[in-house]
Amino acid sequence: MTSYSAIKTWGTQDCAPFNDAVNGIHFLGILASEGLLIFRVYAFSGNKKAYLTILLSFGLAILVTCVILSAAPINLNIPGVGPPCVLEGARSSTLGYGLLMFFEIVLMSTTVFLRYRHYLGSHSALVRSIYRDGLLYMFCIMMISMFNVIIIAVLPLSYSETLNTPQIVAHSVLASRILFNLQVSAERPLWLDDRS
């Protein structure tokens, strides 16, 4: 839908419902992928409810802040809002991507902490897969968010949506990679896990 909105010429048609639908679906995709990462960290913590409670509360605070920043009519005195039917974001969207990047850093740091606190001597292929793939996922999404912030803040607004579609694709590809690697790790015989 994002690619379609990039090439669609609206003319006199009202594009607001379509744009709202695209933004809503994009938002739900980000919410689902961040939820996946929260539950991965929760599982990696040994299902400790304290980690789940803290991460869900922090994630909810980030979510509410992003929704307020993107949907509420708040004048942040950040110049550069494009016309409504052109595929351009506002400069204020850097704040949402910045918060997403900060959340990814917190999740990545928590995963590294848990790895060194609980699983340092583990030779389990499953633990290695969860750790490696989770960090790769979070690092890639964090880097895309960082590039989004830079592009939106520095380049002309016509480039503001450049990494929108690649970020959605990266979420899908990396989530699939995680699931496939977990399946491969689960299918390995146990005696191989103990010797590696």
N, C-alpha and C. Protein backbone atom coordinates (compact mmCIF):
# COMPACT_ATOMS: atom_id res chain seq x y z
N MET A 1 0.82 -1.19 0.00
CA MET A 1 0.00 0.00 0.00
C MET A 1 0.87 1.25 0.00
N THR A 2 2.00 1.18 0.68
CA THR A 2 2.89 2.34 0.71
C THR A 2 3.45 2.61 -0.67
N SER A 3 3.83 1.55 -1.37
CA SER A 3 4.35 1.72 -2.73
C SER A 3 3.26 2.25 -3.66
N TYR A 4 2.03 1.76 -3.48
CA TYR A 4 0.91 2.25 -4.29
C TYR A 4 0.68 3.73 -4.06
N SER A 5 0.74 4.16 -2.80
CA SER A 5 0.50 5.57 -2.51
C SER A 5 1.61 6.46 -3.06
N ALA A 6 2.78 5.87 -3.29
CA ALA A 6 3.89 6.65 -3.86
C ALA A 6 3.66 6.96 -5.33
N ILE A 7 2.95 6.07 -6.05
CA ILE A 7 2.77 6.28 -7.49
C ILE A 7 1.37 6.74 -7.86
N LYS A 8 0.44 6.70 -6.93
CA LYS A 8 -0.94 7.10 -7.20
C LYS A 8 -1.05 8.61 -7.36
N THR A 9 -1.73 9.03 -8.41
CA THR A 9 -2.04 10.44 -8.61
C THR A 9 -3.48 10.66 -8.15
N TRP A 10 -3.67 11.54 -7.18
CA TRP A 10 -4.97 11.70 -6.56
C TRP A 10 -5.85 12.71 -7.27
N GLY A 11 -5.29 13.70 -7.87
CA GLY A 11 -6.10 14.72 -8.53
C GLY A 11 -7.04 15.38 -7.55
N THR A 12 -8.36 15.31 -7.81
CA THR A 12 -9.34 15.94 -6.93
C THR A 12 -9.92 14.97 -5.91
N GLN A 13 -9.49 13.70 -5.94
CA GLN A 13 -10.01 12.71 -4.99
C GLN A 13 -9.47 13.00 -3.58
N ASP A 14 -10.25 12.58 -2.60
CA ASP A 14 -9.83 12.74 -1.21
C ASP A 14 -8.92 11.56 -0.82
N CYS A 15 -7.71 11.86 -0.46
CA CYS A 15 -6.74 10.80 -0.12
C CYS A 15 -6.68 10.52 1.37
N ALA A 16 -7.35 11.29 2.18
CA ALA A 16 -7.23 11.15 3.64
C ALA A 16 -7.63 9.76 4.14
N PRO A 17 -8.75 9.17 3.71
CA PRO A 17 -9.08 7.82 4.21
C PRO A 17 -8.02 6.78 3.84
N PHE A 18 -7.51 6.86 2.63
CA PHE A 18 -6.47 5.92 2.22
C PHE A 18 -5.20 6.12 3.04
N ASN A 19 -4.79 7.37 3.22
CA ASN A 19 -3.60 7.65 4.02
C ASN A 19 -3.76 7.19 5.47
N ASP A 20 -4.96 7.38 6.02
CA ASP A 20 -5.22 6.92 7.38
C ASP A 20 -5.12 5.40 7.46
N ALA A 21 -5.65 4.70 6.45
CA ALA A 21 -5.58 3.24 6.43
C ALA A 21 -4.13 2.77 6.33
N VAL A 22 -3.35 3.38 5.45
CA VAL A 22 -1.94 3.01 5.29
C VAL A 22 -1.18 3.24 6.59
N ASN A 23 -1.39 4.40 7.20
CA ASN A 23 -0.71 4.70 8.46
C ASN A 23 -1.13 3.74 9.57
N GLY A 24 -2.43 3.41 9.61
CA GLY A 24 -2.92 2.47 10.63
C GLY A 24 -2.33 1.08 10.46
N ILE A 25 -2.27 0.60 9.24
CA ILE A 25 -1.70 -0.73 8.99
C ILE A 25 -0.20 -0.72 9.29
N HIS A 26 0.49 0.34 8.90
CA HIS A 26 1.91 0.47 9.21
C HIS A 26 2.12 0.46 10.72
N PHE A 27 1.31 1.19 11.43
CA PHE A 27 1.40 1.27 12.88
C PHE A 27 1.15 -0.09 13.53
N LEU A 28 0.14 -0.83 13.04
CA LEU A 28 -0.15 -2.16 13.59
C LEU A 28 1.01 -3.12 13.32
N GLY A 29 1.64 -3.00 12.15
CA GLY A 29 2.80 -3.85 11.85
C GLY A 29 3.96 -3.58 12.79
N ILE A 30 4.23 -2.32 13.05
CA ILE A 30 5.30 -1.97 13.99
C ILE A 30 4.94 -2.47 15.39
N LEU A 31 3.70 -2.31 15.79
CA LEU A 31 3.24 -2.77 17.10
C LEU A 31 3.42 -4.28 17.24
N ALA A 32 3.06 -5.03 16.20
CA ALA A 32 3.19 -6.48 16.23
C ALA A 32 4.66 -6.90 16.31
N SER A 33 5.52 -6.26 15.54
CA SER A 33 6.93 -6.65 15.55
C SER A 33 7.60 -6.28 16.87
N GLU A 34 7.24 -5.14 17.45
CA GLU A 34 7.79 -4.78 18.75
C GLU A 34 7.26 -5.70 19.83
N GLY A 35 6.00 -6.12 19.71
CA GLY A 35 5.45 -7.09 20.65
C GLY A 35 6.19 -8.42 20.57
N LEU A 36 6.53 -8.84 19.36
CA LEU A 36 7.32 -10.06 19.17
C LEU A 36 8.66 -9.93 19.90
N LEU A 37 9.31 -8.79 19.77
CA LEU A 37 10.60 -8.59 20.42
C LEU A 37 10.47 -8.56 21.94
N ILE A 38 9.42 -7.94 22.44
CA ILE A 38 9.20 -7.91 23.89
C ILE A 38 9.04 -9.33 24.42
N PHE A 39 8.24 -10.14 23.74
CA PHE A 39 8.03 -11.50 24.21
C PHE A 39 9.27 -12.37 24.02
N ARG A 40 10.12 -12.05 23.06
CA ARG A 40 11.40 -12.76 22.92
C ARG A 40 12.29 -12.45 24.12
N VAL A 41 12.35 -11.19 24.51
CA VAL A 41 13.16 -10.82 25.67
C VAL A 41 12.57 -11.46 26.93
N TYR A 42 11.26 -11.49 27.03
CA TYR A 42 10.59 -12.13 28.17
C TYR A 42 10.95 -13.62 28.23
N ALA A 43 10.89 -14.30 27.11
CA ALA A 43 11.25 -15.72 27.07
C ALA A 43 12.73 -15.91 27.40
N PHE A 44 13.56 -15.02 26.90
CA PHE A 44 15.00 -15.10 27.14
C PHE A 44 15.32 -14.84 28.61
N SER A 45 14.45 -14.13 29.31
CA SER A 45 14.67 -13.86 30.74
C SER A 45 14.27 -15.04 31.62
N GLY A 46 13.77 -16.09 31.01
CA GLY A 46 13.30 -17.23 31.80
C GLY A 46 11.87 -17.03 32.27
N ASN A 47 11.10 -16.27 31.51
CA ASN A 47 9.69 -15.97 31.79
C ASN A 47 9.50 -15.24 33.12
N LYS A 48 10.41 -14.34 33.41
CA LYS A 48 10.29 -13.54 34.63
C LYS A 48 9.32 -12.40 34.37
N LYS A 49 8.28 -12.36 35.17
CA LYS A 49 7.21 -11.37 34.98
C LYS A 49 7.69 -9.94 35.17
N ALA A 50 8.73 -9.74 35.94
CA ALA A 50 9.25 -8.38 36.15
C ALA A 50 9.74 -7.79 34.82
N TYR A 51 10.44 -8.58 34.02
CA TYR A 51 10.90 -8.10 32.72
C TYR A 51 9.73 -7.79 31.81
N LEU A 52 8.74 -8.69 31.81
CA LEU A 52 7.57 -8.47 30.96
C LEU A 52 6.82 -7.21 31.38
N THR A 53 6.62 -7.02 32.68
CA THR A 53 5.90 -5.86 33.18
C THR A 53 6.63 -4.56 32.83
N ILE A 54 7.93 -4.54 33.05
CA ILE A 54 8.72 -3.33 32.77
C ILE A 54 8.73 -3.03 31.28
N LEU A 55 8.98 -4.05 30.46
CA LEU A 55 9.05 -3.82 29.01
C LEU A 55 7.70 -3.44 28.43
N LEU A 56 6.62 -4.07 28.89
CA LEU A 56 5.29 -3.69 28.40
C LEU A 56 4.92 -2.28 28.83
N SER A 57 5.25 -1.92 30.06
CA SER A 57 4.95 -0.56 30.53
C SER A 57 5.75 0.47 29.75
N PHE A 58 7.02 0.20 29.58
CA PHE A 58 7.87 1.12 28.82
C PHE A 58 7.42 1.19 27.36
N GLY A 59 7.11 0.04 26.77
CA GLY A 59 6.61 0.00 25.39
C GLY A 59 5.30 0.74 25.24
N LEU A 60 4.42 0.61 26.24
CA LEU A 60 3.14 1.33 26.20
C LEU A 60 3.37 2.83 26.28
N ALA A 61 4.31 3.26 27.12
CA ALA A 61 4.62 4.69 27.22
C ALA A 61 5.16 5.22 25.89
N ILE A 62 6.04 4.46 25.26
CA ILE A 62 6.57 4.85 23.94
C ILE A 62 5.44 4.89 22.91
N LEU A 63 4.57 3.87 22.94
CA LEU A 63 3.45 3.79 22.01
C LEU A 63 2.52 4.99 22.14
N VAL A 64 2.13 5.30 23.36
CA VAL A 64 1.22 6.43 23.59
C VAL A 64 1.87 7.73 23.13
N THR A 65 3.14 7.89 23.43
CA THR A 65 3.85 9.10 23.00
C THR A 65 3.89 9.20 21.48
N CYS A 66 4.17 8.08 20.80
CA CYS A 66 4.20 8.09 19.33
C CYS A 66 2.83 8.41 18.74
N VAL A 67 1.78 7.84 19.33
CA VAL A 67 0.42 8.11 18.83
C VAL A 67 0.08 9.58 19.02
N ILE A 68 0.41 10.14 20.17
CA ILE A 68 0.13 11.55 20.41
C ILE A 68 0.91 12.42 19.44
N LEU A 69 2.18 12.10 19.24
CA LEU A 69 3.00 12.91 18.34
C LEU A 69 2.55 12.81 16.88
N SER A 70 2.03 11.65 16.48
CA SER A 70 1.67 11.49 15.07
C SER A 70 0.22 11.85 14.76
N ALA A 71 -0.68 11.73 15.73
CA ALA A 71 -2.09 11.92 15.44
C ALA A 71 -2.68 13.21 15.99
N ALA A 72 -2.17 13.67 17.10
CA ALA A 72 -2.76 14.85 17.73
C ALA A 72 -2.32 16.12 17.02
N PRO A 73 -3.21 17.10 16.96
CA PRO A 73 -2.83 18.36 16.31
C PRO A 73 -1.96 19.22 17.22
N ILE A 74 -0.71 18.80 17.37
CA ILE A 74 0.23 19.53 18.22
C ILE A 74 1.19 20.28 17.31
N ASN A 75 1.34 21.56 17.56
CA ASN A 75 2.30 22.34 16.80
C ASN A 75 3.63 22.30 17.53
N LEU A 76 4.57 21.56 16.97
CA LEU A 76 5.87 21.42 17.60
C LEU A 76 6.87 22.44 17.07
N ASN A 77 6.39 23.39 16.28
CA ASN A 77 7.25 24.40 15.66
C ASN A 77 8.39 23.78 14.86
N ILE A 78 8.11 22.64 14.26
CA ILE A 78 9.07 22.00 13.36
C ILE A 78 8.57 22.27 11.95
N PRO A 79 9.32 23.04 11.17
CA PRO A 79 8.84 23.41 9.85
C PRO A 79 8.83 22.23 8.90
N GLY A 80 8.05 22.35 7.87
CA GLY A 80 8.08 21.37 6.80
C GLY A 80 6.98 20.35 6.85
N VAL A 81 5.76 20.74 6.57
CA VAL A 81 4.66 19.81 6.42
C VAL A 81 4.22 19.89 4.97
N GLY A 82 4.25 18.73 4.30
CA GLY A 82 3.92 18.69 2.88
C GLY A 82 2.43 18.70 2.64
N PRO A 83 2.02 18.79 1.38
CA PRO A 83 0.60 18.73 1.05
C PRO A 83 0.01 17.36 1.42
N PRO A 84 -1.31 17.29 1.66
CA PRO A 84 -1.91 16.07 2.19
C PRO A 84 -1.88 14.86 1.25
N CYS A 85 -1.93 15.03 -0.05
CA CYS A 85 -2.01 13.90 -0.97
C CYS A 85 -0.69 13.60 -1.67
N VAL A 86 0.40 14.01 -1.08
CA VAL A 86 1.72 13.73 -1.62
C VAL A 86 2.42 12.83 -0.60
N LEU A 87 3.15 11.85 -1.11
CA LEU A 87 3.83 10.92 -0.22
C LEU A 87 5.02 11.61 0.43
N GLU A 88 4.71 12.41 1.43
CA GLU A 88 5.73 13.12 2.20
C GLU A 88 5.29 13.10 3.66
N GLY A 89 6.26 12.88 4.51
CA GLY A 89 5.98 12.94 5.94
C GLY A 89 6.37 14.30 6.49
N ALA A 90 5.96 14.55 7.69
CA ALA A 90 6.34 15.80 8.35
C ALA A 90 7.68 15.61 9.05
N ARG A 91 8.38 16.70 9.24
CA ARG A 91 9.66 16.63 9.95
C ARG A 91 9.47 16.15 11.38
N SER A 92 8.30 16.38 11.95
CA SER A 92 8.04 15.94 13.32
C SER A 92 8.01 14.42 13.45
N SER A 93 7.92 13.68 12.34
CA SER A 93 7.93 12.22 12.43
C SER A 93 9.29 11.68 12.85
N THR A 94 10.32 12.55 12.85
CA THR A 94 11.62 12.11 13.37
C THR A 94 11.52 11.75 14.84
N LEU A 95 10.61 12.39 15.56
CA LEU A 95 10.44 12.10 16.98
C LEU A 95 9.95 10.67 17.21
N GLY A 96 9.00 10.24 16.40
CA GLY A 96 8.50 8.86 16.51
C GLY A 96 9.56 7.83 16.18
N TYR A 97 10.30 8.07 15.10
CA TYR A 97 11.38 7.15 14.74
C TYR A 97 12.49 7.18 15.79
N GLY A 98 12.74 8.33 16.37
CA GLY A 98 13.74 8.42 17.43
C GLY A 98 13.32 7.63 18.66
N LEU A 99 12.03 7.70 19.02
CA LEU A 99 11.54 6.91 20.15
C LEU A 99 11.61 5.41 19.86
N LEU A 100 11.28 5.03 18.62
CA LEU A 100 11.38 3.63 18.22
C LEU A 100 12.83 3.16 18.32
N MET A 101 13.75 3.99 17.88
CA MET A 101 15.17 3.65 17.96
C MET A 101 15.60 3.50 19.43
N PHE A 102 15.15 4.39 20.28
CA PHE A 102 15.48 4.31 21.70
C PHE A 102 14.93 3.02 22.31
N PHE A 103 13.71 2.65 21.95
CA PHE A 103 13.11 1.41 22.44
C PHE A 103 13.91 0.20 21.98
N GLU A 104 14.36 0.21 20.73
CA GLU A 104 15.19 -0.89 20.21
C GLU A 104 16.50 -0.98 20.99
N ILE A 105 17.09 0.15 21.34
CA ILE A 105 18.33 0.15 22.11
C ILE A 105 18.08 -0.46 23.49
N VAL A 106 16.96 -0.13 24.11
CA VAL A 106 16.63 -0.69 25.43
C VAL A 106 16.43 -2.20 25.32
N LEU A 107 15.71 -2.66 24.29
CA LEU A 107 15.51 -4.10 24.12
C LEU A 107 16.83 -4.82 23.85
N MET A 108 17.67 -4.21 23.01
CA MET A 108 18.96 -4.83 22.70
C MET A 108 19.84 -4.89 23.95
N SER A 109 19.87 -3.83 24.71
CA SER A 109 20.67 -3.81 25.94
C SER A 109 20.17 -4.84 26.94
N THR A 110 18.87 -4.98 27.06
CA THR A 110 18.29 -5.97 27.97
C THR A 110 18.65 -7.39 27.52
N THR A 111 18.62 -7.64 26.22
CA THR A 111 18.99 -8.95 25.70
C THR A 111 20.46 -9.27 25.98
N VAL A 112 21.33 -8.29 25.76
CA VAL A 112 22.76 -8.49 26.04
C VAL A 112 22.97 -8.74 27.53
N PHE A 113 22.29 -7.98 28.37
CA PHE A 113 22.39 -8.16 29.82
C PHE A 113 21.97 -9.57 30.22
N LEU A 114 20.84 -10.03 29.68
CA LEU A 114 20.34 -11.36 30.03
C LEU A 114 21.28 -12.46 29.53
N ARG A 115 21.84 -12.26 28.37
CA ARG A 115 22.77 -13.25 27.81
C ARG A 115 23.98 -13.42 28.73
N TYR A 116 24.57 -12.32 29.16
CA TYR A 116 25.76 -12.41 30.00
C TYR A 116 25.45 -12.72 31.46
N ARG A 117 24.24 -12.45 31.87
CA ARG A 117 23.88 -12.75 33.26
C ARG A 117 23.45 -14.19 33.45
N HIS A 118 22.71 -14.75 32.48
CA HIS A 118 22.12 -16.07 32.67
C HIS A 118 22.65 -17.15 31.73
N TYR A 119 23.13 -16.80 30.56
CA TYR A 119 23.44 -17.80 29.54
C TYR A 119 24.88 -17.74 29.05
N LEU A 120 25.78 -17.17 29.83
CA LEU A 120 27.15 -16.99 29.37
C LEU A 120 27.84 -18.31 29.03
N GLY A 121 27.68 -19.34 29.84
CA GLY A 121 28.33 -20.62 29.59
C GLY A 121 27.51 -21.59 28.77
N SER A 122 26.37 -21.17 28.29
CA SER A 122 25.48 -22.07 27.56
C SER A 122 26.03 -22.35 26.17
N HIS A 123 25.93 -23.64 25.79
CA HIS A 123 26.34 -24.04 24.44
C HIS A 123 25.13 -24.48 23.62
N SER A 124 23.95 -24.13 24.07
CA SER A 124 22.73 -24.53 23.40
C SER A 124 22.56 -23.78 22.08
N ALA A 125 22.28 -24.53 21.03
CA ALA A 125 22.05 -23.90 19.73
C ALA A 125 20.80 -23.03 19.77
N LEU A 126 19.82 -23.42 20.56
CA LEU A 126 18.59 -22.63 20.67
C LEU A 126 18.86 -21.28 21.31
N VAL A 127 19.64 -21.26 22.40
CA VAL A 127 19.98 -20.00 23.07
C VAL A 127 20.80 -19.12 22.13
N ARG A 128 21.78 -19.71 21.45
CA ARG A 128 22.59 -18.94 20.51
C ARG A 128 21.73 -18.35 19.39
N SER A 129 20.78 -19.14 18.90
CA SER A 129 19.91 -18.67 17.82
C SER A 129 19.02 -17.53 18.29
N ILE A 130 18.43 -17.68 19.47
CA ILE A 130 17.57 -16.62 20.00
C ILE A 130 18.37 -15.34 20.20
N TYR A 131 19.55 -15.49 20.77
CA TYR A 131 20.39 -14.32 21.06
C TYR A 131 20.88 -13.65 19.77
N ARG A 132 21.47 -14.42 18.89
CA ARG A 132 22.05 -13.87 17.66
C ARG A 132 20.97 -13.24 16.77
N ASP A 133 19.89 -13.97 16.55
CA ASP A 133 18.84 -13.46 15.66
C ASP A 133 18.12 -12.26 16.27
N GLY A 134 17.91 -12.29 17.59
CA GLY A 134 17.27 -11.15 18.24
C GLY A 134 18.11 -9.89 18.13
N LEU A 135 19.41 -10.02 18.37
CA LEU A 135 20.29 -8.85 18.25
C LEU A 135 20.38 -8.37 16.81
N LEU A 136 20.45 -9.29 15.86
CA LEU A 136 20.49 -8.90 14.45
C LEU A 136 19.22 -8.14 14.08
N TYR A 137 18.08 -8.65 14.47
CA TYR A 137 16.80 -8.01 14.20
C TYR A 137 16.78 -6.60 14.77
N MET A 138 17.08 -6.49 16.06
CA MET A 138 17.01 -5.19 16.72
C MET A 138 18.03 -4.21 16.15
N PHE A 139 19.22 -4.70 15.83
CA PHE A 139 20.25 -3.82 15.27
C PHE A 139 19.82 -3.30 13.89
N CYS A 140 19.31 -4.18 13.05
CA CYS A 140 18.88 -3.75 11.71
C CYS A 140 17.74 -2.74 11.77
N ILE A 141 16.74 -3.01 12.61
CA ILE A 141 15.62 -2.08 12.72
C ILE A 141 16.07 -0.76 13.34
N MET A 142 16.99 -0.83 14.30
CA MET A 142 17.51 0.39 14.90
C MET A 142 18.26 1.23 13.86
N MET A 143 19.05 0.57 13.01
CA MET A 143 19.79 1.29 11.98
C MET A 143 18.85 1.92 10.95
N ILE A 144 17.81 1.19 10.55
CA ILE A 144 16.85 1.76 9.61
C ILE A 144 16.14 2.96 10.25
N SER A 145 15.79 2.85 11.53
CA SER A 145 15.16 3.98 12.22
C SER A 145 16.11 5.17 12.28
N MET A 146 17.39 4.91 12.52
CA MET A 146 18.37 6.00 12.56
C MET A 146 18.47 6.68 11.19
N PHE A 147 18.52 5.87 10.13
CA PHE A 147 18.58 6.46 8.80
C PHE A 147 17.30 7.23 8.47
N ASN A 148 16.15 6.73 8.95
CA ASN A 148 14.90 7.46 8.77
C ASN A 148 14.96 8.83 9.45
N VAL A 149 15.48 8.87 10.66
CA VAL A 149 15.61 10.14 11.37
C VAL A 149 16.50 11.10 10.59
N ILE A 150 17.63 10.60 10.11
CA ILE A 150 18.57 11.44 9.36
C ILE A 150 17.94 11.94 8.07
N ILE A 151 17.29 11.04 7.32
CA ILE A 151 16.68 11.42 6.04
C ILE A 151 15.58 12.46 6.26
N ILE A 152 14.73 12.23 7.24
CA ILE A 152 13.62 13.16 7.46
C ILE A 152 14.11 14.50 7.98
N ALA A 153 15.13 14.48 8.83
CA ALA A 153 15.62 15.73 9.42
C ALA A 153 16.47 16.55 8.47
N VAL A 154 17.23 15.90 7.59
CA VAL A 154 18.24 16.61 6.80
C VAL A 154 17.82 16.83 5.35
N LEU A 155 17.27 15.82 4.72
CA LEU A 155 16.95 15.91 3.29
C LEU A 155 15.61 16.62 3.08
N PRO A 156 15.33 17.02 1.84
CA PRO A 156 14.01 17.61 1.56
C PRO A 156 12.89 16.62 1.88
N LEU A 157 11.71 17.16 2.18
CA LEU A 157 10.59 16.31 2.59
C LEU A 157 10.17 15.29 1.53
N SER A 158 10.49 15.54 0.28
CA SER A 158 10.13 14.58 -0.77
C SER A 158 10.85 13.24 -0.57
N TYR A 159 11.92 13.20 0.22
CA TYR A 159 12.64 11.96 0.51
C TYR A 159 12.22 11.33 1.83
N SER A 160 11.28 11.93 2.52
CA SER A 160 10.95 11.50 3.89
C SER A 160 10.42 10.07 3.98
N GLU A 161 9.80 9.57 2.94
CA GLU A 161 9.23 8.22 2.98
C GLU A 161 10.12 7.20 2.27
N THR A 162 11.37 7.53 2.02
CA THR A 162 12.27 6.67 1.26
C THR A 162 12.44 5.31 1.90
N LEU A 163 12.60 5.25 3.21
CA LEU A 163 12.86 3.98 3.88
C LEU A 163 11.62 3.37 4.52
N ASN A 164 10.45 3.90 4.22
CA ASN A 164 9.22 3.39 4.80
C ASN A 164 8.98 1.94 4.39
N THR A 165 8.95 1.69 3.09
CA THR A 165 8.72 0.33 2.59
C THR A 165 9.87 -0.61 2.96
N PRO A 166 11.15 -0.21 2.80
CA PRO A 166 12.23 -1.12 3.23
C PRO A 166 12.16 -1.48 4.71
N GLN A 167 11.69 -0.57 5.55
CA GLN A 167 11.59 -0.90 6.97
C GLN A 167 10.51 -1.95 7.20
N ILE A 168 9.40 -1.84 6.51
CA ILE A 168 8.33 -2.84 6.64
C ILE A 168 8.83 -4.20 6.15
N VAL A 169 9.54 -4.21 5.03
CA VAL A 169 10.07 -5.45 4.48
C VAL A 169 11.11 -6.05 5.43
N ALA A 170 11.96 -5.20 6.01
CA ALA A 170 12.99 -5.69 6.93
C ALA A 170 12.35 -6.35 8.15
N HIS A 171 11.28 -5.76 8.68
CA HIS A 171 10.58 -6.39 9.80
C HIS A 171 10.10 -7.80 9.40
N SER A 172 9.50 -7.92 8.23
CA SER A 172 8.97 -9.22 7.79
C SER A 172 10.07 -10.24 7.56
N VAL A 173 11.13 -9.83 6.86
CA VAL A 173 12.22 -10.75 6.55
C VAL A 173 12.93 -11.20 7.81
N LEU A 174 13.22 -10.27 8.70
CA LEU A 174 13.94 -10.64 9.92
C LEU A 174 13.08 -11.49 10.86
N ALA A 175 11.79 -11.20 10.94
CA ALA A 175 10.90 -12.04 11.76
C ALA A 175 10.83 -13.45 11.19
N SER A 176 10.77 -13.57 9.86
CA SER A 176 10.76 -14.90 9.23
C SER A 176 12.07 -15.63 9.48
N ARG A 177 13.17 -14.90 9.40
CA ARG A 177 14.48 -15.51 9.67
C ARG A 177 14.53 -16.06 11.09
N ILE A 178 14.02 -15.31 12.04
CA ILE A 178 14.01 -15.76 13.43
C ILE A 178 13.21 -17.05 13.55
N LEU A 179 12.03 -17.08 12.96
CA LEU A 179 11.18 -18.27 13.07
C LEU A 179 11.82 -19.48 12.40
N PHE A 180 12.42 -19.30 11.23
CA PHE A 180 13.07 -20.41 10.53
C PHE A 180 14.28 -20.92 11.31
N ASN A 181 15.07 -20.02 11.88
CA ASN A 181 16.23 -20.45 12.65
C ASN A 181 15.83 -21.14 13.95
N LEU A 182 14.73 -20.71 14.55
CA LEU A 182 14.24 -21.40 15.75
C LEU A 182 13.80 -22.82 15.39
N GLN A 183 13.16 -22.98 14.24
CA GLN A 183 12.73 -24.30 13.81
C GLN A 183 13.94 -25.20 13.55
N VAL A 184 14.97 -24.67 12.91
CA VAL A 184 16.18 -25.45 12.65
C VAL A 184 16.85 -25.82 13.96
N SER A 185 16.92 -24.88 14.90
CA SER A 185 17.55 -25.15 16.20
C SER A 185 16.78 -26.21 16.98
N ALA A 186 15.48 -26.19 16.89
CA ALA A 186 14.66 -27.16 17.61
C ALA A 186 14.77 -28.55 16.99
N GLU A 187 15.09 -28.65 15.70
CA GLU A 187 15.18 -29.94 15.02
C GLU A 187 16.53 -30.61 15.19
N ARG A 188 17.54 -29.90 15.68
CA ARG A 188 18.87 -30.50 15.87
C ARG A 188 18.83 -31.50 17.01
N PRO A 189 19.57 -32.59 16.89
CA PRO A 189 19.65 -33.54 18.00
C PRO A 189 20.32 -32.90 19.21
N LEU A 190 19.92 -33.32 20.39
CA LEU A 190 20.45 -32.74 21.62
C LEU A 190 21.94 -32.96 21.79
N TRP A 191 22.47 -34.09 21.32
CA TRP A 191 23.90 -34.34 21.55
C TRP A 191 24.76 -33.38 20.77
N LEU A 192 24.28 -32.83 19.67
CA LEU A 192 25.04 -31.83 18.95
C LEU A 192 25.08 -30.52 19.73
N ASP A 193 24.01 -30.19 20.44
CA ASP A 193 23.96 -28.96 21.22
C ASP A 193 24.98 -28.97 22.35
N ASP A 194 25.19 -30.14 22.98
CA ASP A 194 26.10 -30.22 24.11
C ASP A 194 27.56 -30.13 23.71
N ARG A 195 27.90 -30.52 22.50
CA ARG A 195 29.29 -30.52 22.08
C ARG A 195 29.70 -29.22 21.40
N SER A 196 28.76 -28.42 20.93
CA SER A 196 29.12 -27.21 20.20
C SER A 196 29.48 -26.07 21.09
